[in-house]
Amino acid sequence: MKLSRALIGGLAFSVAGAWAAAAQDAPSAPPPKPDVKTVEDWQVRCYPVQAVAPCDMLQEQGDKSGRKVLSLSISYIPSMDRHAIIVSVPLEVSLPKGVVLQTDSYTSPTLKYRMCTRDGCFVQAPVENDLVASVAKSTGAGRVIVVGDDGKTYPISFSLKGFAQAHDDMVAQAKAKATKQPPAQAGAAPAQH
Protein backbone atom coordinates (compact mmCIF):
# COMPACT_ATOMS: atom_id res chain seq x y z
CA MET A 1 0.00 0.00 0.00
CA LYS A 2 2.85 2.39 0.80
CA LEU A 3 4.36 1.72 -2.63
CA SER A 4 1.02 2.55 -4.27
CA ARG A 5 0.75 5.87 -2.45
CA ALA A 6 4.36 6.73 -3.17
CA LEU A 7 4.00 5.87 -6.84
CA ILE A 8 0.77 7.80 -7.41
CA GLY A 9 2.00 10.68 -5.26
CA GLY A 10 5.25 10.71 -7.22
CA LEU A 11 3.42 10.79 -10.54
CA ALA A 12 1.13 13.60 -9.44
CA PHE A 13 4.01 15.53 -7.86
CA SER A 14 6.21 15.04 -10.91
CA VAL A 15 3.62 16.36 -13.37
CA ALA A 16 2.53 19.19 -11.07
CA GLY A 17 6.15 20.10 -10.38
CA ALA A 18 7.01 20.18 -14.06
CA TRP A 19 4.06 22.43 -14.83
CA ALA A 20 4.94 24.69 -11.88
CA ALA A 21 8.55 24.94 -13.07
CA ALA A 22 7.38 25.85 -16.56
CA ALA A 23 5.03 28.44 -15.08
CA GLN A 24 7.90 30.05 -13.13
CA ASP A 25 9.96 30.37 -16.30
CA ALA A 26 7.06 32.01 -18.14
CA PRO A 27 4.17 32.98 -15.82
CA SER A 28 1.61 33.12 -18.63
CA ALA A 29 2.83 29.94 -20.34
CA PRO A 30 0.43 26.99 -20.59
CA PRO A 31 1.57 23.53 -19.46
CA PRO A 32 4.16 22.05 -21.81
CA LYS A 33 2.74 20.22 -24.82
CA PRO A 34 3.85 16.63 -25.36
CA ASP A 35 5.44 15.20 -28.45
CA VAL A 36 2.72 12.89 -29.79
CA LYS A 37 3.22 9.86 -32.01
CA THR A 38 0.27 7.81 -33.29
CA VAL A 39 0.74 4.05 -33.28
CA GLU A 40 -2.38 2.61 -34.91
CA ASP A 41 -5.20 3.26 -32.37
CA TRP A 42 -2.91 4.56 -29.59
CA GLN A 43 -1.08 7.82 -28.99
CA VAL A 44 2.37 7.82 -27.38
CA ARG A 45 2.93 11.12 -25.59
CA CYS A 46 6.26 12.28 -24.15
CA TYR A 47 6.51 15.54 -22.24
CA PRO A 48 9.52 17.89 -22.50
CA VAL A 49 9.98 18.01 -18.72
CA GLN A 50 11.82 16.12 -16.01
CA ALA A 51 9.26 13.66 -14.62
CA VAL A 52 8.97 10.31 -12.86
CA ALA A 53 6.96 9.04 -15.84
CA PRO A 54 7.85 11.28 -18.79
CA CYS A 55 5.78 9.34 -21.34
CA ASP A 56 2.45 7.56 -21.58
CA MET A 57 0.27 5.80 -24.10
CA LEU A 58 -3.31 6.99 -24.45
CA GLN A 59 -6.57 6.00 -26.05
CA GLU A 60 -9.87 7.83 -25.69
CA GLN A 61 -13.31 6.69 -26.75
CA GLY A 62 -16.44 8.76 -27.25
CA ASP A 63 -20.12 8.00 -27.65
CA LYS A 64 -22.23 8.83 -30.71
CA SER A 65 -22.68 12.42 -29.52
CA GLY A 66 -18.92 12.91 -29.20
CA ARG A 67 -18.91 12.90 -25.40
CA LYS A 68 -15.82 11.19 -23.96
CA VAL A 69 -16.78 7.94 -22.23
CA LEU A 70 -13.32 6.45 -21.71
CA SER A 71 -9.76 7.65 -21.36
CA LEU A 72 -7.12 4.97 -20.81
CA SER A 73 -3.53 6.01 -20.11
CA ILE A 74 -0.65 3.71 -19.25
CA SER A 75 2.73 5.08 -18.24
CA TYR A 76 6.06 3.51 -17.38
CA ILE A 77 8.25 4.60 -14.47
CA PRO A 78 11.84 3.70 -15.44
CA SER A 79 13.32 4.24 -11.96
CA MET A 80 10.95 1.65 -10.48
CA ASP A 81 10.48 -0.63 -13.52
CA ARG A 82 6.73 -0.33 -12.93
CA HIS A 83 3.65 0.80 -14.77
CA ALA A 84 0.83 3.06 -13.70
CA ILE A 85 -2.65 3.34 -15.17
CA ILE A 86 -5.21 6.12 -15.28
CA VAL A 87 -8.73 5.23 -16.36
CA SER A 88 -11.38 7.92 -16.67
CA VAL A 89 -15.09 7.08 -17.07
CA PRO A 90 -18.25 9.20 -16.81
CA LEU A 91 -19.96 9.96 -13.50
CA GLU A 92 -22.85 7.88 -12.14
CA VAL A 93 -20.77 4.77 -11.49
CA SER A 94 -20.77 2.55 -8.41
CA LEU A 95 -17.61 3.69 -6.63
CA PRO A 96 -17.19 0.53 -4.50
CA LYS A 97 -17.26 -1.70 -7.62
CA GLY A 98 -14.27 -0.10 -9.37
CA VAL A 99 -13.39 -1.09 -12.93
CA VAL A 100 -12.05 -4.25 -14.53
CA LEU A 101 -9.98 -4.43 -17.71
CA GLN A 102 -10.85 -7.42 -19.84
CA THR A 103 -9.52 -8.85 -23.11
CA ASP A 104 -10.03 -12.11 -24.98
CA SER A 105 -7.45 -13.81 -22.74
CA TYR A 106 -7.10 -11.65 -19.62
CA THR A 107 -9.21 -10.20 -16.82
CA SER A 108 -7.58 -7.76 -14.41
CA PRO A 109 -8.23 -7.56 -10.70
CA THR A 110 -10.67 -4.80 -9.73
CA LEU A 111 -9.07 -1.38 -9.99
CA LYS A 112 -10.48 1.04 -7.43
CA TYR A 113 -11.51 4.60 -8.14
CA ARG A 114 -9.26 7.23 -6.61
CA MET A 115 -11.42 10.29 -7.15
CA CYS A 116 -14.29 11.85 -9.07
CA THR A 117 -14.52 15.37 -10.44
CA ARG A 118 -17.14 17.05 -12.59
CA ASP A 119 -15.33 15.49 -15.57
CA GLY A 120 -15.74 11.88 -14.43
CA CYS A 121 -14.39 9.23 -12.09
CA PHE A 122 -10.75 8.19 -12.18
CA VAL A 123 -8.71 5.12 -11.39
CA GLN A 124 -5.09 6.09 -10.73
CA ALA A 125 -3.04 3.11 -9.68
CA PRO A 126 0.26 1.32 -10.04
CA VAL A 127 -0.20 -1.95 -11.89
CA GLU A 128 1.93 -5.03 -12.17
CA ASN A 129 4.00 -5.32 -15.33
CA ASP A 130 2.20 -8.65 -15.91
CA LEU A 131 -1.09 -6.78 -16.45
CA VAL A 132 0.41 -4.76 -19.28
CA ALA A 133 2.18 -7.81 -20.76
CA SER A 134 -1.08 -9.80 -20.69
CA VAL A 135 -3.02 -7.03 -22.43
CA ALA A 136 -0.22 -6.70 -25.02
CA LYS A 137 -0.56 -10.42 -25.90
CA SER A 138 -4.32 -10.11 -26.38
CA THR A 139 -6.06 -9.56 -29.70
CA GLY A 140 -9.24 -7.89 -30.90
CA ALA A 141 -10.85 -5.40 -28.56
CA GLY A 142 -10.50 -4.80 -24.86
CA ARG A 143 -13.20 -3.68 -22.49
CA VAL A 144 -13.29 -1.59 -19.37
CA ILE A 145 -16.13 -2.98 -17.30
CA VAL A 146 -17.90 -0.42 -15.11
CA VAL A 147 -20.91 -0.83 -12.85
CA GLY A 148 -23.38 2.03 -12.92
CA ASP A 149 -24.99 3.41 -9.80
CA ASP A 150 -28.10 1.62 -11.11
CA GLY A 151 -26.31 -1.72 -10.51
CA LYS A 152 -26.05 -2.58 -14.22
CA THR A 153 -22.74 -3.58 -15.81
CA TYR A 154 -21.53 -1.48 -18.74
CA PRO A 155 -18.62 -2.63 -20.93
CA ILE A 156 -16.77 0.21 -22.66
CA SER A 157 -14.71 -1.08 -25.59
CA PHE A 158 -11.24 0.05 -26.52
CA SER A 159 -8.96 -1.07 -29.33
CA LEU A 160 -5.90 -3.23 -28.85
CA LYS A 161 -4.69 -2.41 -32.35
CA GLY A 162 -1.13 -1.14 -31.94
CA PHE A 163 -1.09 -1.66 -28.14
CA ALA A 164 2.12 -3.75 -28.02
CA GLN A 165 4.01 -1.48 -30.43
CA ALA A 166 2.84 1.70 -28.65
CA HIS A 167 3.89 0.20 -25.32
CA ASP A 168 7.37 -0.74 -26.57
CA ASP A 169 7.84 2.73 -28.07
CA MET A 170 6.60 4.46 -24.91
CA VAL A 171 8.92 2.41 -22.66
CA ALA A 172 11.94 3.05 -24.91
CA GLN A 173 11.28 6.81 -24.92
CA ALA A 174 10.68 6.88 -21.15
CA LYS A 175 13.97 5.06 -20.52
CA ALA A 176 15.83 7.39 -22.90
CA LYS A 177 14.40 10.48 -21.19
CA ALA A 178 15.22 9.03 -17.75
CA THR A 179 18.88 8.49 -18.64
CA LYS A 180 19.35 12.08 -19.78
CA GLN A 181 20.79 14.29 -17.09
CA PRO A 182 19.32 17.76 -16.60
CA PRO A 183 21.67 20.51 -17.79
CA ALA A 184 24.03 21.74 -15.08
CA GLN A 185 23.45 25.29 -13.95
CA ALA A 186 26.36 27.55 -14.72
CA GLY A 187 28.21 28.62 -11.61
CA ALA A 188 26.28 26.28 -9.32
CA ALA A 189 28.21 25.18 -6.27
CA PRO A 190 28.69 21.44 -5.75
CA ALA A 191 26.41 19.86 -3.16
CA GLN A 192 27.87 19.66 0.35
CA HIS A 193 27.37 16.42 2.30
C-alpha atoms as a PDB file:
ATOM      1  CA  MET A   1       0.000   0.000   0.000  1.00  0.00           C
ATOM      2  CA  LYS A   2       2.847   2.388   0.799  1.00  0.00           C
ATOM      3  CA  LEU A   3       4.358   1.723  -2.633  1.00  0.00           C
ATOM      4  CA  SER A   4       1.018   2.554  -4.269  1.00  0.00           C
ATOM      5  CA  ARG A   5       0.745   5.868  -2.450  1.00  0.00           C
ATOM      6  CA  ALA A   6       4.363   6.726  -3.171  1.00  0.00           C
ATOM      7  CA  LEU A   7       3.999   5.875  -6.844  1.00  0.00           C
ATOM      8  CA  ILE A   8       0.765   7.801  -7.406  1.00  0.00           C
ATOM      9  CA  GLY A   9       1.995  10.676  -5.265  1.00  0.00           C
ATOM     10  CA  GLY A  10       5.245  10.713  -7.217  1.00  0.00           C
ATOM     11  CA  LEU A  11       3.422  10.791 -10.537  1.00  0.00           C
ATOM     12  CA  ALA A  12       1.128  13.603  -9.444  1.00  0.00           C
ATOM     13  CA  PHE A  13       4.011  15.527  -7.860  1.00  0.00           C
ATOM     14  CA  SER A  14       6.206  15.045 -10.915  1.00  0.00           C
ATOM     15  CA  VAL A  15       3.620  16.358 -13.369  1.00  0.00           C
ATOM     16  CA  ALA A  16       2.527  19.189 -11.073  1.00  0.00           C
ATOM     17  CA  GLY A  17       6.152  20.100 -10.384  1.00  0.00           C
ATOM     18  CA  ALA A  18       7.007  20.182 -14.064  1.00  0.00           C
ATOM     19  CA  TRP A  19       4.065  22.434 -14.832  1.00  0.00           C
ATOM     20  CA  ALA A  20       4.939  24.690 -11.880  1.00  0.00           C
ATOM     21  CA  ALA A  21       8.555  24.939 -13.071  1.00  0.00           C
ATOM     22  CA  ALA A  22       7.381  25.848 -16.561  1.00  0.00           C
ATOM     23  CA  ALA A  23       5.031  28.436 -15.085  1.00  0.00           C
ATOM     24  CA  GLN A  24       7.895  30.045 -13.130  1.00  0.00           C
ATOM     25  CA  ASP A  25       9.957  30.373 -16.300  1.00  0.00           C
ATOM     26  CA  ALA A  26       7.060  32.015 -18.141  1.00  0.00           C
ATOM     27  CA  PRO A  27       4.169  32.978 -15.819  1.00  0.00           C
ATOM     28  CA  SER A  28       1.609  33.120 -18.630  1.00  0.00           C
ATOM     29  CA  ALA A  29       2.826  29.936 -20.345  1.00  0.00           C
ATOM     30  CA  PRO A  30       0.427  26.991 -20.590  1.00  0.00           C
ATOM     31  CA  PRO A  31       1.569  23.528 -19.457  1.00  0.00           C
ATOM     32  CA  PRO A  32       4.158  22.054 -21.806  1.00  0.00           C
ATOM     33  CA  LYS A  33       2.744  20.218 -24.822  1.00  0.00           C
ATOM     34  CA  PRO A  34       3.852  16.634 -25.358  1.00  0.00           C
ATOM     35  CA  ASP A  35       5.436  15.196 -28.445  1.00  0.00           C
ATOM     36  CA  VAL A  36       2.724  12.886 -29.795  1.00  0.00           C
ATOM     37  CA  LYS A  37       3.216   9.860 -32.014  1.00  0.00           C
ATOM     38  CA  THR A  38       0.268   7.809 -33.287  1.00  0.00           C
ATOM     39  CA  VAL A  39       0.745   4.055 -33.275  1.00  0.00           C
ATOM     40  CA  GLU A  40      -2.378   2.607 -34.906  1.00  0.00           C
ATOM     41  CA  ASP A  41      -5.200   3.264 -32.373  1.00  0.00           C
ATOM     42  CA  TRP A  42      -2.914   4.564 -29.591  1.00  0.00           C
ATOM     43  CA  GLN A  43      -1.079   7.823 -28.987  1.00  0.00           C
ATOM     44  CA  VAL A  44       2.365   7.818 -27.384  1.00  0.00           C
ATOM     45  CA  ARG A  45       2.934  11.120 -25.586  1.00  0.00           C
ATOM     46  CA  CYS A  46       6.263  12.284 -24.152  1.00  0.00           C
ATOM     47  CA  TYR A  47       6.513  15.543 -22.243  1.00  0.00           C
ATOM     48  CA  PRO A  48       9.520  17.887 -22.498  1.00  0.00           C
ATOM     49  CA  VAL A  49       9.977  18.015 -18.718  1.00  0.00           C
ATOM     50  CA  GLN A  50      11.816  16.117 -16.007  1.00  0.00           C
ATOM     51  CA  ALA A  51       9.258  13.658 -14.617  1.00  0.00           C
ATOM     52  CA  VAL A  52       8.968  10.310 -12.861  1.00  0.00           C
ATOM     53  CA  ALA A  53       6.962   9.038 -15.836  1.00  0.00           C
ATOM     54  CA  PRO A  54       7.849  11.285 -18.790  1.00  0.00           C
ATOM     55  CA  CYS A  55       5.775   9.341 -21.345  1.00  0.00           C
ATOM     56  CA  ASP A  56       2.451   7.561 -21.576  1.00  0.00           C
ATOM     57  CA  MET A  57       0.266   5.799 -24.101  1.00  0.00           C
ATOM     58  CA  LEU A  58      -3.311   6.985 -24.451  1.00  0.00           C
ATOM     59  CA  GLN A  59      -6.568   6.005 -26.052  1.00  0.00           C
ATOM     60  CA  GLU A  60      -9.865   7.832 -25.686  1.00  0.00           C
ATOM     61  CA  GLN A  61     -13.314   6.686 -26.746  1.00  0.00           C
ATOM     62  CA  GLY A  62     -16.438   8.757 -27.249  1.00  0.00           C
ATOM     63  CA  ASP A  63     -20.121   8.000 -27.648  1.00  0.00           C
ATOM     64  CA  LYS A  64     -22.234   8.830 -30.708  1.00  0.00           C
ATOM     65  CA  SER A  65     -22.684  12.421 -29.520  1.00  0.00           C
ATOM     66  CA  GLY A  66     -18.916  12.909 -29.204  1.00  0.00           C
ATOM     67  CA  ARG A  67     -18.915  12.904 -25.397  1.00  0.00           C
ATOM     68  CA  LYS A  68     -15.815  11.187 -23.959  1.00  0.00           C
ATOM     69  CA  VAL A  69     -16.783   7.940 -22.230  1.00  0.00           C
ATOM     70  CA  LEU A  70     -13.317   6.448 -21.706  1.00  0.00           C
ATOM     71  CA  SER A  71      -9.764   7.646 -21.359  1.00  0.00           C
ATOM     72  CA  LEU A  72      -7.123   4.966 -20.811  1.00  0.00           C
ATOM     73  CA  SER A  73      -3.530   6.015 -20.107  1.00  0.00           C
ATOM     74  CA  ILE A  74      -0.651   3.710 -19.247  1.00  0.00           C
ATOM     75  CA  SER A  75       2.730   5.078 -18.241  1.00  0.00           C
ATOM     76  CA  TYR A  76       6.063   3.506 -17.384  1.00  0.00           C
ATOM     77  CA  ILE A  77       8.252   4.597 -14.473  1.00  0.00           C
ATOM     78  CA  PRO A  78      11.842   3.697 -15.436  1.00  0.00           C
ATOM     79  CA  SER A  79      13.320   4.243 -11.965  1.00  0.00           C
ATOM     80  CA  MET A  80      10.948   1.645 -10.484  1.00  0.00           C
ATOM     81  CA  ASP A  81      10.482  -0.626 -13.524  1.00  0.00           C
ATOM     82  CA  ARG A  82       6.734  -0.332 -12.931  1.00  0.00           C
ATOM     83  CA  HIS A  83       3.653   0.796 -14.774  1.00  0.00           C
ATOM     84  CA  ALA A  84       0.827   3.062 -13.705  1.00  0.00           C
ATOM     85  CA  ILE A  85      -2.648   3.342 -15.169  1.00  0.00           C
ATOM     86  CA  ILE A  86      -5.205   6.120 -15.284  1.00  0.00           C
ATOM     87  CA  VAL A  87      -8.731   5.233 -16.363  1.00  0.00           C
ATOM     88  CA  SER A  88     -11.384   7.917 -16.673  1.00  0.00           C
ATOM     89  CA  VAL A  89     -15.088   7.076 -17.066  1.00  0.00           C
ATOM     90  CA  PRO A  90     -18.247   9.197 -16.806  1.00  0.00           C
ATOM     91  CA  LEU A  91     -19.955   9.959 -13.503  1.00  0.00           C
ATOM     92  CA  GLU A  92     -22.854   7.877 -12.139  1.00  0.00           C
ATOM     93  CA  VAL A  93     -20.774   4.766 -11.486  1.00  0.00           C
ATOM     94  CA  SER A  94     -20.766   2.553  -8.409  1.00  0.00           C
ATOM     95  CA  LEU A  95     -17.612   3.687  -6.629  1.00  0.00           C
ATOM     96  CA  PRO A  96     -17.188   0.529  -4.497  1.00  0.00           C
ATOM     97  CA  LYS A  97     -17.264  -1.698  -7.617  1.00  0.00           C
ATOM     98  CA  GLY A  98     -14.269  -0.099  -9.369  1.00  0.00           C
ATOM     99  CA  VAL A  99     -13.389  -1.089 -12.925  1.00  0.00           C
ATOM    100  CA  VAL A 100     -12.052  -4.246 -14.529  1.00  0.00           C
ATOM    101  CA  LEU A 101      -9.976  -4.431 -17.711  1.00  0.00           C
ATOM    102  CA  GLN A 102     -10.848  -7.424 -19.844  1.00  0.00           C
ATOM    103  CA  THR A 103      -9.519  -8.848 -23.111  1.00  0.00           C
ATOM    104  CA  ASP A 104     -10.031 -12.111 -24.977  1.00  0.00           C
ATOM    105  CA  SER A 105      -7.454 -13.809 -22.742  1.00  0.00           C
ATOM    106  CA  TYR A 106      -7.096 -11.654 -19.621  1.00  0.00           C
ATOM    107  CA  THR A 107      -9.206 -10.200 -16.819  1.00  0.00           C
ATOM    108  CA  SER A 108      -7.581  -7.757 -14.405  1.00  0.00           C
ATOM    109  CA  PRO A 109      -8.235  -7.564 -10.696  1.00  0.00           C
ATOM    110  CA  THR A 110     -10.672  -4.804  -9.725  1.00  0.00           C
ATOM    111  CA  LEU A 111      -9.070  -1.381  -9.989  1.00  0.00           C
ATOM    112  CA  LYS A 112     -10.479   1.039  -7.430  1.00  0.00           C
ATOM    113  CA  TYR A 113     -11.509   4.602  -8.137  1.00  0.00           C
ATOM    114  CA  ARG A 114      -9.260   7.226  -6.606  1.00  0.00           C
ATOM    115  CA  MET A 115     -11.425  10.295  -7.152  1.00  0.00           C
ATOM    116  CA  CYS A 116     -14.290  11.847  -9.069  1.00  0.00           C
ATOM    117  CA  THR A 117     -14.520  15.368 -10.443  1.00  0.00           C
ATOM    118  CA  ARG A 118     -17.138  17.052 -12.591  1.00  0.00           C
ATOM    119  CA  ASP A 119     -15.328  15.491 -15.572  1.00  0.00           C
ATOM    120  CA  GLY A 120     -15.744  11.876 -14.428  1.00  0.00           C
ATOM    121  CA  CYS A 121     -14.385   9.234 -12.085  1.00  0.00           C
ATOM    122  CA  PHE A 122     -10.755   8.191 -12.178  1.00  0.00           C
ATOM    123  CA  VAL A 123      -8.709   5.121 -11.395  1.00  0.00           C
ATOM    124  CA  GLN A 124      -5.087   6.093 -10.734  1.00  0.00           C
ATOM    125  CA  ALA A 125      -3.036   3.115  -9.675  1.00  0.00           C
ATOM    126  CA  PRO A 126       0.260   1.320 -10.041  1.00  0.00           C
ATOM    127  CA  VAL A 127      -0.204  -1.951 -11.892  1.00  0.00           C
ATOM    128  CA  GLU A 128       1.931  -5.029 -12.170  1.00  0.00           C
ATOM    129  CA  ASN A 129       3.998  -5.316 -15.334  1.00  0.00           C
ATOM    130  CA  ASP A 130       2.201  -8.645 -15.912  1.00  0.00           C
ATOM    131  CA  LEU A 131      -1.090  -6.783 -16.451  1.00  0.00           C
ATOM    132  CA  VAL A 132       0.408  -4.759 -19.278  1.00  0.00           C
ATOM    133  CA  ALA A 133       2.176  -7.815 -20.758  1.00  0.00           C
ATOM    134  CA  SER A 134      -1.077  -9.802 -20.690  1.00  0.00           C
ATOM    135  CA  VAL A 135      -3.017  -7.033 -22.432  1.00  0.00           C
ATOM    136  CA  ALA A 136      -0.217  -6.700 -25.021  1.00  0.00           C
ATOM    137  CA  LYS A 137      -0.556 -10.415 -25.899  1.00  0.00           C
ATOM    138  CA  SER A 138      -4.322 -10.113 -26.382  1.00  0.00           C
ATOM    139  CA  THR A 139      -6.055  -9.555 -29.703  1.00  0.00           C
ATOM    140  CA  GLY A 140      -9.242  -7.887 -30.896  1.00  0.00           C
ATOM    141  CA  ALA A 141     -10.853  -5.397 -28.563  1.00  0.00           C
ATOM    142  CA  GLY A 142     -10.496  -4.798 -24.863  1.00  0.00           C
ATOM    143  CA  ARG A 143     -13.201  -3.684 -22.486  1.00  0.00           C
ATOM    144  CA  VAL A 144     -13.290  -1.587 -19.368  1.00  0.00           C
ATOM    145  CA  ILE A 145     -16.134  -2.982 -17.300  1.00  0.00           C
ATOM    146  CA  VAL A 146     -17.901  -0.421 -15.110  1.00  0.00           C
ATOM    147  CA  VAL A 147     -20.908  -0.826 -12.850  1.00  0.00           C
ATOM    148  CA  GLY A 148     -23.379   2.029 -12.917  1.00  0.00           C
ATOM    149  CA  ASP A 149     -24.988   3.410  -9.797  1.00  0.00           C
ATOM    150  CA  ASP A 150     -28.103   1.621 -11.105  1.00  0.00           C
ATOM    151  CA  GLY A 151     -26.307  -1.722 -10.510  1.00  0.00           C
ATOM    152  CA  LYS A 152     -26.047  -2.582 -14.218  1.00  0.00           C
ATOM    153  CA  THR A 153     -22.743  -3.581 -15.811  1.00  0.00           C
ATOM    154  CA  TYR A 154     -21.528  -1.481 -18.738  1.00  0.00           C
ATOM    155  CA  PRO A 155     -18.624  -2.632 -20.926  1.00  0.00           C
ATOM    156  CA  ILE A 156     -16.772   0.213 -22.664  1.00  0.00           C
ATOM    157  CA  SER A 157     -14.715  -1.079 -25.588  1.00  0.00           C
ATOM    158  CA  PHE A 158     -11.237   0.045 -26.519  1.00  0.00           C
ATOM    159  CA  SER A 159      -8.962  -1.073 -29.334  1.00  0.00           C
ATOM    160  CA  LEU A 160      -5.901  -3.234 -28.847  1.00  0.00           C
ATOM    161  CA  LYS A 161      -4.690  -2.414 -32.354  1.00  0.00           C
ATOM    162  CA  GLY A 162      -1.126  -1.136 -31.936  1.00  0.00           C
ATOM    163  CA  PHE A 163      -1.092  -1.661 -28.140  1.00  0.00           C
ATOM    164  CA  ALA A 164       2.117  -3.747 -28.025  1.00  0.00           C
ATOM    165  CA  GLN A 165       4.007  -1.477 -30.427  1.00  0.00           C
ATOM    166  CA  ALA A 166       2.839   1.698 -28.654  1.00  0.00           C
ATOM    167  CA  HIS A 167       3.892   0.197 -25.322  1.00  0.00           C
ATOM    168  CA  ASP A 168       7.367  -0.736 -26.570  1.00  0.00           C
ATOM    169  CA  ASP A 169       7.838   2.735 -28.074  1.00  0.00           C
ATOM    170  CA  MET A 170       6.600   4.464 -24.909  1.00  0.00           C
ATOM    171  CA  VAL A 171       8.919   2.407 -22.659  1.00  0.00           C
ATOM    172  CA  ALA A 172      11.935   3.053 -24.912  1.00  0.00           C
ATOM    173  CA  GLN A 173      11.278   6.809 -24.924  1.00  0.00           C
ATOM    174  CA  ALA A 174      10.685   6.877 -21.148  1.00  0.00           C
ATOM    175  CA  LYS A 175      13.972   5.062 -20.525  1.00  0.00           C
ATOM    176  CA  ALA A 176      15.833   7.393 -22.902  1.00  0.00           C
ATOM    177  CA  LYS A 177      14.403  10.479 -21.188  1.00  0.00           C
ATOM    178  CA  ALA A 178      15.217   9.025 -17.752  1.00  0.00           C
ATOM    179  CA  THR A 179      18.876   8.493 -18.643  1.00  0.00           C
ATOM    180  CA  LYS A 180      19.352  12.082 -19.776  1.00  0.00           C
ATOM    181  CA  GLN A 181      20.788  14.290 -17.089  1.00  0.00           C
ATOM    182  CA  PRO A 182      19.320  17.764 -16.596  1.00  0.00           C
ATOM    183  CA  PRO A 183      21.667  20.506 -17.790  1.00  0.00           C
ATOM    184  CA  ALA A 184      24.028  21.742 -15.081  1.00  0.00           C
ATOM    185  CA  GLN A 185      23.455  25.288 -13.947  1.00  0.00           C
ATOM    186  CA  ALA A 186      26.361  27.554 -14.720  1.00  0.00           C
ATOM    187  CA  GLY A 187      28.206  28.624 -11.612  1.00  0.00           C
ATOM    188  CA  ALA A 188      26.278  26.285  -9.323  1.00  0.00           C
ATOM    189  CA  ALA A 189      28.215  25.183  -6.275  1.00  0.00           C
ATOM    190  CA  PRO A 190      28.692  21.438  -5.753  1.00  0.00           C
ATOM    191  CA  ALA A 191      26.414  19.861  -3.161  1.00  0.00           C
ATOM    192  CA  GLN A 192      27.875  19.664   0.355  1.00  0.00           C
ATOM    193  CA  HIS A 193      27.369  16.417   2.299  1.00  0.00           C
END
